[in-house]
C-alpha atoms as a PDB file:
ATOM      1  CA  MET A   1      20.504  18.848 -11.971  1.00  0.00           C
ATOM      2  CA  HIS A   2      21.652  15.348 -11.060  1.00  0.00           C
ATOM      3  CA  VAL A   3      19.585  13.222  -8.662  1.00  0.00           C
ATOM      4  CA  LEU A   4      22.161  13.489  -5.883  1.00  0.00           C
ATOM      5  CA  GLU A   5      22.543  17.240  -6.344  1.00  0.00           C
ATOM      6  CA  VAL A   6      18.784  17.651  -5.954  1.00  0.00           C
ATOM      7  CA  LEU A   7      18.742  15.481  -2.831  1.00  0.00           C
ATOM      8  CA  ARG A   8      21.558  17.468  -1.255  1.00  0.00           C
ATOM      9  CA  ALA A   9      19.771  20.707  -2.130  1.00  0.00           C
ATOM     10  CA  ASP A  10      16.298  19.698  -0.927  1.00  0.00           C
ATOM     11  CA  ARG A  11      17.622  17.636   2.025  1.00  0.00           C
ATOM     12  CA  ILE A  12      14.402  15.608   2.045  1.00  0.00           C
ATOM     13  CA  ALA A  13      13.001  12.811  -0.130  1.00  0.00           C
ATOM     14  CA  ALA A  14       9.643  11.043  -0.063  1.00  0.00           C
ATOM     15  CA  VAL A  15       9.119   7.324   0.509  1.00  0.00           C
ATOM     16  CA  ILE A  16       5.721   6.202  -0.788  1.00  0.00           C
ATOM     17  CA  ARG A  17       4.152   3.003   0.548  1.00  0.00           C
ATOM     18  CA  ALA A  18       0.518   2.450  -0.367  1.00  0.00           C
ATOM     19  CA  ASP A  19      -1.675  -0.341  -1.700  1.00  0.00           C
ATOM     20  CA  VAL A  20      -3.221   1.952  -4.300  1.00  0.00           C
ATOM     21  CA  ILE A  21      -1.635   4.991  -5.953  1.00  0.00           C
ATOM     22  CA  PRO A  22      -4.376   6.541  -8.109  1.00  0.00           C
ATOM     23  CA  ASP A  23      -2.186   8.973 -10.062  1.00  0.00           C
ATOM     24  CA  PRO A  24       1.570   8.467  -9.598  1.00  0.00           C
ATOM     25  CA  ARG A  25       2.529  11.383 -11.853  1.00  0.00           C
ATOM     26  CA  ARG A  26       0.257  13.821 -10.053  1.00  0.00           C
ATOM     27  CA  LEU A  27       1.525  12.586  -6.685  1.00  0.00           C
ATOM     28  CA  ALA A  28       5.158  13.018  -7.704  1.00  0.00           C
ATOM     29  CA  ASP A  29       4.501  16.462  -9.171  1.00  0.00           C
ATOM     30  CA  THR A  30       2.580  17.488  -6.047  1.00  0.00           C
ATOM     31  CA  LEU A  31       5.518  16.561  -3.827  1.00  0.00           C
ATOM     32  CA  ALA A  32       7.902  18.405  -6.143  1.00  0.00           C
ATOM     33  CA  ALA A  33       5.677  21.477  -5.998  1.00  0.00           C
ATOM     34  CA  GLY A  34       5.944  21.322  -2.220  1.00  0.00           C
ATOM     35  CA  GLY A  35       9.732  21.247  -2.428  1.00  0.00           C
ATOM     36  CA  VAL A  36      10.378  17.495  -2.252  1.00  0.00           C
ATOM     37  CA  ARG A  37      11.726  16.555  -5.660  1.00  0.00           C
ATOM     38  CA  LEU A  38      12.862  12.957  -5.025  1.00  0.00           C
ATOM     39  CA  VAL A  39      10.045  10.422  -4.808  1.00  0.00           C
ATOM     40  CA  GLU A  40      10.687   6.761  -4.022  1.00  0.00           C
ATOM     41  CA  PHE A  41       8.023   4.168  -4.818  1.00  0.00           C
ATOM     42  CA  THR A  42       8.720   0.963  -2.898  1.00  0.00           C
ATOM     43  CA  PHE A  43       8.533  -2.609  -4.100  1.00  0.00           C
ATOM     44  CA  THR A  44       5.998  -3.283  -1.338  1.00  0.00           C
ATOM     45  CA  THR A  45       3.531  -1.396  -3.547  1.00  0.00           C
ATOM     46  CA  PRO A  46       1.392  -3.600  -5.807  1.00  0.00           C
ATOM     47  CA  HIS A  47       2.301  -3.250  -9.488  1.00  0.00           C
ATOM     48  CA  VAL A  48       5.149  -0.909  -8.541  1.00  0.00           C
ATOM     49  CA  LEU A  49       6.763  -1.086 -11.982  1.00  0.00           C
ATOM     50  CA  ARG A  50       3.604   0.354 -13.535  1.00  0.00           C
ATOM     51  CA  VAL A  51       3.546   2.990 -10.812  1.00  0.00           C
ATOM     52  CA  ILE A  52       7.135   3.999 -11.543  1.00  0.00           C
ATOM     53  CA  ALA A  53       6.513   4.143 -15.284  1.00  0.00           C
ATOM     54  CA  ALA A  54       3.442   6.310 -14.718  1.00  0.00           C
ATOM     55  CA  GLY A  55       5.253   8.605 -12.299  1.00  0.00           C
ATOM     56  CA  VAL A  56       8.278   9.586 -14.389  1.00  0.00           C
ATOM     57  CA  GLY A  57       8.478  12.452 -16.825  1.00  0.00           C
ATOM     58  CA  GLY A  58       7.215  15.241 -14.618  1.00  0.00           C
ATOM     59  CA  ASP A  59       8.844  17.629 -12.176  1.00  0.00           C
ATOM     60  CA  ALA A  60      10.125  14.979  -9.744  1.00  0.00           C
ATOM     61  CA  PHE A  61      12.961  12.480  -9.824  1.00  0.00           C
ATOM     62  CA  VAL A  62      11.312   9.076  -9.431  1.00  0.00           C
ATOM     63  CA  GLY A  63      13.099   6.091  -7.935  1.00  0.00           C
ATOM     64  CA  ALA A  64      12.480   2.594  -6.615  1.00  0.00           C
ATOM     65  CA  GLY A  65      12.813   1.572  -2.985  1.00  0.00           C
ATOM     66  CA  THR A  66      12.847  -1.637  -0.940  1.00  0.00           C
ATOM     67  CA  VAL A  67      14.801  -3.160  -3.821  1.00  0.00           C
ATOM     68  CA  LEU A  68      16.053  -6.593  -2.747  1.00  0.00           C
ATOM     69  CA  THR A  69      17.429  -8.225  -5.903  1.00  0.00           C
ATOM     70  CA  ALA A  70      19.386  -7.373  -9.019  1.00  0.00           C
ATOM     71  CA  ARG A  71      16.368  -8.317 -11.112  1.00  0.00           C
ATOM     72  CA  GLN A  72      14.175  -5.834  -9.250  1.00  0.00           C
ATOM     73  CA  ALA A  73      16.810  -3.150  -9.746  1.00  0.00           C
ATOM     74  CA  ASN A  74      17.004  -3.831 -13.483  1.00  0.00           C
ATOM     75  CA  ASP A  75      13.234  -3.992 -13.851  1.00  0.00           C
ATOM     76  CA  ALA A  76      12.895  -0.678 -12.017  1.00  0.00           C
ATOM     77  CA  VAL A  77      15.460   1.014 -14.247  1.00  0.00           C
ATOM     78  CA  ASP A  78      13.710  -0.389 -17.306  1.00  0.00           C
ATOM     79  CA  ALA A  79      10.477   1.153 -15.984  1.00  0.00           C
ATOM     80  CA  GLY A  80      12.188   4.538 -15.708  1.00  0.00           C
ATOM     81  CA  ALA A  81      13.529   4.639 -12.162  1.00  0.00           C
ATOM     82  CA  GLN A  82      16.213   7.290 -11.794  1.00  0.00           C
ATOM     83  CA  PHE A  83      17.655   5.986  -8.525  1.00  0.00           C
ATOM     84  CA  ILE A  84      17.530   2.798  -6.451  1.00  0.00           C
ATOM     85  CA  VAL A  85      17.260   2.390  -2.670  1.00  0.00           C
ATOM     86  CA  THR A  86      17.649  -0.793  -0.619  1.00  0.00           C
ATOM     87  CA  PRO A  87      16.944  -1.578   3.056  1.00  0.00           C
ATOM     88  CA  ALA A  88      20.221  -3.504   3.508  1.00  0.00           C
ATOM     89  CA  VAL A  89      23.722  -4.024   2.125  1.00  0.00           C
ATOM     90  CA  LEU A  90      23.040  -5.997  -1.065  1.00  0.00           C
ATOM     91  CA  PRO A  91      26.094  -6.541  -3.305  1.00  0.00           C
ATOM     92  CA  ASP A  92      24.063  -7.954  -6.221  1.00  0.00           C
ATOM     93  CA  VAL A  93      21.898  -4.837  -6.319  1.00  0.00           C
ATOM     94  CA  ALA A  94      24.992  -2.638  -6.153  1.00  0.00           C
ATOM     95  CA  ASP A  95      26.528  -4.530  -9.080  1.00  0.00           C
ATOM     96  CA  ALA A  96      23.360  -4.153 -11.150  1.00  0.00           C
ATOM     97  CA  CYS A  97      23.105  -0.427 -10.469  1.00  0.00           C
ATOM     98  CA  ARG A  98      26.744   0.202 -11.309  1.00  0.00           C
ATOM     99  CA  ALA A  99      26.297  -1.709 -14.552  1.00  0.00           C
ATOM    100  CA  ARG A 100      23.279   0.436 -15.446  1.00  0.00           C
ATOM    101  CA  GLY A 101      24.908   3.694 -14.354  1.00  0.00           C
ATOM    102  CA  VAL A 102      22.105   4.480 -11.896  1.00  0.00           C
ATOM    103  CA  PRO A 103      22.675   6.174  -8.513  1.00  0.00           C
ATOM    104  CA  PHE A 104      21.912   3.853  -5.620  1.00  0.00           C
ATOM    105  CA  MET A 105      21.712   4.063  -1.856  1.00  0.00           C
ATOM    106  CA  LEU A 106      22.232   0.899   0.154  1.00  0.00           C
ATOM    107  CA  GLY A 107      20.638   0.558   3.571  1.00  0.00           C
ATOM    108  CA  ALA A 108      22.859   0.131   6.637  1.00  0.00           C
ATOM    109  CA  PHE A 109      22.757   0.556  10.395  1.00  0.00           C
ATOM    110  CA  THR A 110      25.999  -0.585  12.015  1.00  0.00           C
ATOM    111  CA  PRO A 111      29.481   0.835  11.371  1.00  0.00           C
ATOM    112  CA  SER A 112      30.464  -2.339   9.519  1.00  0.00           C
ATOM    113  CA  GLU A 113      27.397  -2.089   7.280  1.00  0.00           C
ATOM    114  CA  VAL A 114      27.965   1.596   6.562  1.00  0.00           C
ATOM    115  CA  LEU A 115      31.547   0.907   5.518  1.00  0.00           C
ATOM    116  CA  ALA A 116      30.528  -2.104   3.422  1.00  0.00           C
ATOM    117  CA  ALA A 117      27.844  -0.068   1.632  1.00  0.00           C
ATOM    118  CA  SER A 118      30.305   2.695   0.864  1.00  0.00           C
ATOM    119  CA  GLU A 119      32.906   0.244  -0.442  1.00  0.00           C
ATOM    120  CA  LEU A 120      30.278  -1.214  -2.791  1.00  0.00           C
ATOM    121  CA  GLY A 121      29.903   2.218  -4.351  1.00  0.00           C
ATOM    122  CA  SER A 122      26.718   3.380  -2.639  1.00  0.00           C
ATOM    123  CA  SER A 123      26.174   6.969  -3.768  1.00  0.00           C
ATOM    124  CA  LEU A 124      25.036   7.823  -0.259  1.00  0.00           C
ATOM    125  CA  VAL A 125      24.277   5.382   2.559  1.00  0.00           C
ATOM    126  CA  LYS A 126      20.741   5.079   3.881  1.00  0.00           C
ATOM    127  CA  VAL A 127      20.770   4.642   7.657  1.00  0.00           C
ATOM    128  CA  PHE A 128      17.783   2.462   8.503  1.00  0.00           C
ATOM    129  CA  PRO A 129      15.887   2.300  10.779  1.00  0.00           C
ATOM    130  CA  ALA A 130      16.931   5.794  11.825  1.00  0.00           C
ATOM    131  CA  GLY A 131      14.311   6.066  14.547  1.00  0.00           C
ATOM    132  CA  THR A 132      15.998   3.258  16.498  1.00  0.00           C
ATOM    133  CA  GLY A 133      19.230   5.131  17.116  1.00  0.00           C
ATOM    134  CA  GLY A 134      18.012   8.684  16.666  1.00  0.00           C
ATOM    135  CA  PRO A 135      20.224  11.654  15.813  1.00  0.00           C
ATOM    136  CA  GLY A 136      22.856  10.436  18.289  1.00  0.00           C
ATOM    137  CA  HIS A 137      23.467   7.367  16.160  1.00  0.00           C
ATOM    138  CA  ILE A 138      24.101   9.534  13.099  1.00  0.00           C
ATOM    139  CA  LYS A 139      26.550  11.678  15.061  1.00  0.00           C
ATOM    140  CA  ASP A 140      28.385   8.566  16.263  1.00  0.00           C
ATOM    141  CA  LEU A 141      28.641   7.160  12.721  1.00  0.00           C
ATOM    142  CA  ARG A 142      29.968  10.440  11.412  1.00  0.00           C
ATOM    143  CA  GLY A 143      32.915  10.177  13.799  1.00  0.00           C
ATOM    144  CA  PRO A 144      34.770   7.390  11.964  1.00  0.00           C
ATOM    145  CA  PHE A 145      33.118   8.060   8.597  1.00  0.00           C
ATOM    146  CA  PRO A 146      33.122  11.828   7.975  1.00  0.00           C
ATOM    147  CA  HIS A 147      33.623  11.143   4.253  1.00  0.00           C
ATOM    148  CA  ILE A 148      30.455   8.994   3.879  1.00  0.00           C
ATOM    149  CA  GLY A 149      27.168  10.774   3.203  1.00  0.00           C
ATOM    150  CA  LEU A 150      24.449   9.432   5.499  1.00  0.00           C
ATOM    151  CA  VAL A 151      20.721   9.652   4.764  1.00  0.00           C
ATOM    152  CA  PRO A 152      18.526   8.546   7.701  1.00  0.00           C
ATOM    153  CA  SER A 153      15.222   6.821   6.927  1.00  0.00           C
ATOM    154  CA  GLY A 154      12.468   5.593   9.231  1.00  0.00           C
ATOM    155  CA  GLY A 155      10.779   7.641  11.909  1.00  0.00           C
ATOM    156  CA  ILE A 156      11.605  11.022  10.351  1.00  0.00           C
ATOM    157  CA  THR A 157       9.129  13.790  11.259  1.00  0.00           C
ATOM    158  CA  PRO A 158       9.092  17.588  10.936  1.00  0.00           C
ATOM    159  CA  ALA A 159       9.801  17.740  14.679  1.00  0.00           C
ATOM    160  CA  ASN A 160      13.035  15.720  14.558  1.00  0.00           C
ATOM    161  CA  ALA A 161      14.229  16.361  10.990  1.00  0.00           C
ATOM    162  CA  ARG A 162      16.498  19.250  11.891  1.00  0.00           C
ATOM    163  CA  SER A 163      18.099  17.259  14.697  1.00  0.00           C
ATOM    164  CA  PHE A 164      19.170  14.548  12.262  1.00  0.00           C
ATOM    165  CA  LEU A 165      20.660  17.124   9.902  1.00  0.00           C
ATOM    166  CA  ASP A 166      22.445  18.878  12.743  1.00  0.00           C
ATOM    167  CA  ALA A 167      23.911  15.505  13.729  1.00  0.00           C
ATOM    168  CA  GLY A 168      25.562  15.280  10.318  1.00  0.00           C
ATOM    169  CA  ALA A 169      23.020  13.731   7.940  1.00  0.00           C
ATOM    170  CA  VAL A 170      23.276  14.843   4.317  1.00  0.00           C
ATOM    171  CA  ALA A 171      19.531  14.488   3.724  1.00  0.00           C
ATOM    172  CA  LEU A 172      16.520  12.534   4.975  1.00  0.00           C
ATOM    173  CA  PHE A 173      13.934  10.056   3.711  1.00  0.00           C
ATOM    174  CA  ALA A 174      10.435  10.702   5.069  1.00  0.00           C
ATOM    175  CA  GLY A 175       7.555   8.264   4.759  1.00  0.00           C
ATOM    176  CA  SER A 176       4.181   8.254   6.473  1.00  0.00           C
ATOM    177  CA  ASP A 177       4.593  11.652   8.132  1.00  0.00           C
ATOM    178  CA  LEU A 178       5.068  13.166   4.689  1.00  0.00           C
ATOM    179  CA  ALA A 179       2.685  11.163   2.502  1.00  0.00           C
ATOM    180  CA  SER A 180       0.810   8.486   4.411  1.00  0.00           C
ATOM    181  CA  ALA A 181      -0.904   5.592   2.662  1.00  0.00           C
ATOM    182  CA  ALA A 182      -4.280   7.038   3.658  1.00  0.00           C
ATOM    183  CA  LEU A 183      -3.537  10.414   2.040  1.00  0.00           C
ATOM    184  CA  VAL A 184      -2.080   8.827  -1.085  1.00  0.00           C
ATOM    185  CA  GLU A 185      -4.906   6.341  -1.582  1.00  0.00           C
ATOM    186  CA  ALA A 186      -7.527   9.081  -1.081  1.00  0.00           C
ATOM    187  CA  GLY A 187      -5.801  11.414  -3.529  1.00  0.00           C
ATOM    188  CA  ARG A 188      -5.549  14.234  -1.001  1.00  0.00           C
ATOM    189  CA  TYR A 189      -2.967  16.152  -2.980  1.00  0.00           C
ATOM    190  CA  GLU A 190      -3.358  19.513  -1.276  1.00  0.00           C
ATOM    191  CA  ASP A 191      -2.736  17.896   2.097  1.00  0.00           C
ATOM    192  CA  ILE A 192       0.320  16.109   0.729  1.00  0.00           C
ATOM    193  CA  ARG A 193       1.694  19.327  -0.733  1.00  0.00           C
ATOM    194  CA  ALA A 194       1.163  21.088   2.595  1.00  0.00           C
ATOM    195  CA  ARG A 195       3.077  18.352   4.388  1.00  0.00           C
ATOM    196  CA  ALA A 196       5.891  18.596   1.869  1.00  0.00           C
ATOM    197  CA  GLU A 197       6.117  22.318   2.496  1.00  0.00           C
ATOM    198  CA  THR A 198       6.174  21.692   6.248  1.00  0.00           C
ATOM    199  CA  PHE A 199       9.077  19.291   5.886  1.00  0.00           C
ATOM    200  CA  ARG A 200      10.988  21.650   3.620  1.00  0.00           C
ATOM    201  CA  ALA A 201      10.562  24.428   6.160  1.00  0.00           C
ATOM    202  CA  ALA A 202      11.737  22.108   8.935  1.00  0.00           C
ATOM    203  CA  VAL A 203      14.953  21.095   7.153  1.00  0.00           C
ATOM    204  CA  ALA A 204      15.684  24.683   6.176  1.00  0.00           C
ATOM    205  CA  ALA A 205      15.266  26.012   9.745  1.00  0.00           C
ATOM    206  CA  GLN A 206      18.427  26.962  11.617  1.00  0.00           C
END
Protein backbone atom coordinates (compact mmCIF):
# COMPACT_ATOMS: atom_id res chain seq x y z
CA MET A 1 0.00 0.00 0.00
CA HIS A 2 1.01 3.62 -0.54
CA VAL A 3 1.98 5.79 2.44
CA LEU A 4 -1.18 7.90 2.19
CA GLU A 5 -3.41 4.84 1.82
CA VAL A 6 -1.93 3.41 5.02
CA LEU A 7 -2.43 6.70 6.87
CA ARG A 8 -6.05 6.92 5.78
CA ALA A 9 -6.59 3.30 6.82
CA ASP A 10 -4.87 3.50 10.22
CA ARG A 11 -6.04 7.09 10.90
CA ILE A 12 -3.13 7.58 13.30
CA ALA A 13 0.61 8.18 12.87
CA ALA A 14 3.40 8.44 15.42
CA VAL A 15 5.62 11.47 15.97
CA ILE A 16 8.85 10.51 17.74
CA ARG A 17 10.84 13.16 19.60
CA ALA A 18 13.62 11.87 21.83
CA ASP A 19 17.27 12.62 22.54
CA VAL A 20 18.20 8.95 22.26
CA ILE A 21 16.49 6.27 20.18
CA PRO A 22 18.24 3.00 21.06
CA ASP A 23 16.76 0.85 18.28
CA PRO A 24 14.84 2.79 15.62
CA ARG A 25 13.89 -0.32 13.64
CA ARG A 26 12.50 -2.11 16.68
CA LEU A 27 10.61 1.02 17.71
CA ALA A 28 9.05 1.42 14.27
CA ASP A 29 8.15 -2.26 14.08
CA THR A 30 6.67 -2.14 17.58
CA LEU A 31 4.39 0.74 16.62
CA ALA A 32 3.39 -1.06 13.43
CA ALA A 33 2.57 -4.18 15.44
CA GLY A 34 0.29 -2.04 17.58
CA GLY A 35 -1.51 -0.77 14.49
CA VAL A 36 0.35 2.50 13.87
CA ARG A 37 2.25 1.97 10.64
CA LEU A 38 3.49 5.52 9.94
CA VAL A 39 6.39 6.64 12.12
CA GLU A 40 7.84 10.15 11.89
CA PHE A 41 11.29 10.85 13.31
CA THR A 42 11.76 14.60 13.77
CA PHE A 43 14.76 16.73 12.96
CA THR A 44 14.86 17.79 16.61
CA THR A 45 16.30 14.32 17.27
CA PRO A 46 20.10 14.15 17.40
CA HIS A 47 21.59 12.32 14.41
CA VAL A 48 18.11 11.95 12.93
CA LEU A 49 19.42 10.89 9.51
CA ARG A 50 21.10 7.87 11.09
CA VAL A 51 17.90 7.17 12.99
CA ILE A 52 15.84 7.25 9.80
CA ALA A 53 18.29 5.01 7.96
CA ALA A 54 18.22 2.53 10.83
CA GLY A 55 14.44 2.58 11.07
CA VAL A 56 13.50 1.80 7.47
CA GLY A 57 13.07 -1.63 5.96
CA GLY A 58 10.71 -3.14 8.49
CA ASP A 59 6.95 -3.20 8.89
CA ALA A 60 6.47 0.57 9.25
CA PHE A 61 6.57 3.48 6.84
CA VAL A 62 9.29 5.78 8.16
CA GLY A 63 9.31 9.52 7.53
CA ALA A 64 11.00 12.73 8.62
CA GLY A 65 9.30 15.50 10.57
CA THR A 66 10.05 19.08 11.62
CA VAL A 67 11.67 19.49 8.21
CA LEU A 68 12.49 23.17 7.70
CA THR A 69 14.65 23.32 4.56
CA ALA A 70 14.95 21.74 1.14
CA ARG A 71 18.34 20.37 2.13
CA GLN A 72 16.85 18.60 5.15
CA ALA A 73 14.12 17.15 2.95
CA ASN A 74 16.66 15.85 0.43
CA ASP A 75 18.94 14.48 3.13
CA ALA A 76 15.99 12.69 4.73
CA VAL A 77 14.94 11.11 1.44
CA ASP A 78 18.52 10.05 0.82
CA ALA A 79 18.48 8.38 4.25
CA GLY A 80 15.34 6.46 3.29
CA ALA A 81 12.48 8.65 4.47
CA GLN A 82 9.23 7.69 2.76
CA PHE A 83 7.35 10.88 3.60
CA ILE A 84 8.14 14.41 4.80
CA VAL A 85 6.30 16.56 7.35
CA THR A 86 6.83 20.25 8.13
CA PRO A 87 5.51 22.49 10.93
CA ALA A 88 4.71 25.38 8.54
CA VAL A 89 4.03 26.30 4.92
CA LEU A 90 7.49 25.99 3.34
CA PRO A 91 7.56 26.34 -0.47
CA ASP A 92 11.21 25.25 -0.79
CA VAL A 93 10.48 22.00 1.02
CA ALA A 94 7.42 21.43 -1.15
CA ASP A 95 9.51 21.96 -4.29
CA ALA A 96 12.16 19.51 -3.09
CA CYS A 97 9.60 16.83 -2.24
CA ARG A 98 7.81 17.18 -5.57
CA ALA A 99 11.14 16.87 -7.35
CA ARG A 100 11.93 13.68 -5.43
CA GLY A 101 8.43 12.24 -5.82
CA VAL A 102 7.95 11.90 -2.06
CA PRO A 103 4.61 12.49 -0.29
CA PHE A 104 4.72 15.52 1.97
CA MET A 105 2.47 17.21 4.48
CA LEU A 106 2.95 20.91 5.14
CA GLY A 107 1.96 22.36 8.50
CA ALA A 108 -0.75 25.03 8.65
CA PHE A 109 -3.18 26.58 11.10
CA THR A 110 -5.13 29.43 9.52
CA PRO A 111 -7.43 29.20 6.49
CA SER A 112 -4.90 31.09 4.37
CA GLU A 113 -2.13 28.69 5.38
CA VAL A 114 -4.26 25.62 4.71
CA LEU A 115 -5.09 26.88 1.23
CA ALA A 116 -1.47 27.82 0.54
CA ALA A 117 -0.26 24.37 1.63
CA SER A 118 -2.78 22.66 -0.60
CA GLU A 119 -1.86 24.83 -3.59
CA LEU A 120 1.80 23.86 -3.09
CA GLY A 121 0.81 20.24 -3.57
CA SER A 122 0.74 19.09 0.05
CA SER A 123 -0.51 15.50 -0.01
CA LEU A 124 -2.52 16.22 3.11
CA VAL A 125 -2.30 19.32 5.32
CA LYS A 126 -1.05 19.00 8.88
CA VAL A 127 -3.03 21.28 11.19
CA PHE A 128 -0.64 22.39 13.91
CA PRO A 129 -0.90 23.02 16.80
CA ALA A 130 -4.21 21.16 16.85
CA GLY A 131 -4.62 21.43 20.60
CA THR A 132 -4.93 25.22 20.34
CA GLY A 133 -8.13 25.18 18.32
CA GLY A 134 -9.42 21.74 19.20
CA PRO A 135 -11.89 19.73 17.12
CA GLY A 136 -13.98 22.87 16.54
CA HIS A 137 -11.15 24.41 14.55
CA ILE A 138 -11.00 21.37 12.28
CA LYS A 139 -14.75 21.53 11.72
CA ASP A 140 -14.51 25.23 10.85
CA LEU A 141 -11.68 24.62 8.36
CA ARG A 142 -13.61 21.83 6.71
CA GLY A 143 -16.40 24.28 5.88
CA PRO A 144 -14.57 26.19 3.13
CA PHE A 145 -12.13 23.37 2.35
CA PRO A 146 -14.07 20.09 2.19
CA HIS A 147 -11.71 18.90 -0.57
CA ILE A 148 -8.52 19.30 1.54
CA GLY A 149 -7.50 16.41 3.79
CA LEU A 150 -6.62 17.69 7.26
CA VAL A 151 -4.37 15.85 9.72
CA PRO A 152 -4.29 17.45 13.20
CA SER A 153 -1.05 17.26 15.18
CA GLY A 154 -0.22 18.45 18.69
CA GLY A 155 -2.19 17.61 21.80
CA ILE A 156 -3.77 14.45 20.39
CA THR A 157 -4.72 11.87 23.05
CA PRO A 158 -6.85 8.71 23.11
CA ALA A 159 -9.53 10.74 24.90
CA ASN A 160 -9.90 13.39 22.18
CA ALA A 161 -8.80 11.49 19.06
CA ARG A 162 -12.29 10.46 18.03
CA SER A 163 -13.56 14.02 18.41
CA PHE A 164 -11.02 15.28 15.90
CA LEU A 165 -11.98 12.57 13.42
CA ASP A 166 -15.67 13.26 13.90
CA ALA A 167 -14.94 16.92 13.17
CA GLY A 168 -13.64 15.94 9.75
CA ALA A 169 -9.96 15.06 10.15
CA VAL A 170 -8.63 12.42 7.76
CA ALA A 171 -6.11 11.10 10.29
CA LEU A 172 -4.08 12.22 13.30
CA PHE A 173 -0.46 12.63 14.38
CA ALA A 174 0.16 11.60 17.99
CA GLY A 175 3.34 12.35 19.89
CA SER A 176 4.09 12.06 23.59
CA ASP A 177 0.81 10.38 24.51
CA LEU A 178 1.67 7.60 22.08
CA ALA A 179 5.44 7.23 22.45
CA SER A 180 6.93 9.66 24.95
CA ALA A 181 10.64 10.44 25.02
CA ALA A 182 10.92 8.64 28.36
CA LEU A 183 9.41 5.42 26.97
CA VAL A 184 11.48 5.58 23.79
CA GLU A 185 14.77 6.30 25.53
CA ALA A 186 14.16 3.49 28.05
CA GLY A 187 13.28 1.00 25.32
CA ARG A 188 9.92 0.16 26.87
CA TYR A 189 8.56 -1.46 23.74
CA GLU A 190 5.69 -3.37 25.31
CA ASP A 191 4.36 -0.16 26.83
CA ILE A 192 4.68 1.61 23.49
CA ARG A 193 2.85 -1.19 21.70
CA ALA A 194 0.08 -1.06 24.29
CA ARG A 195 -0.30 2.67 23.76
CA ALA A 196 -0.43 2.17 20.01
CA GLU A 197 -3.20 -0.36 20.44
CA THR A 198 -5.07 2.07 22.70
CA PHE A 199 -4.89 4.78 20.07
CA ARG A 200 -6.00 2.44 17.31
CA ALA A 201 -8.99 1.40 19.39
CA ALA A 202 -9.82 5.05 20.07
CA VAL A 203 -9.81 6.06 16.39
CA ALA A 204 -11.82 2.99 15.42
CA ALA A 205 -14.53 3.62 18.05
CA GLN A 206 -17.87 4.93 16.82
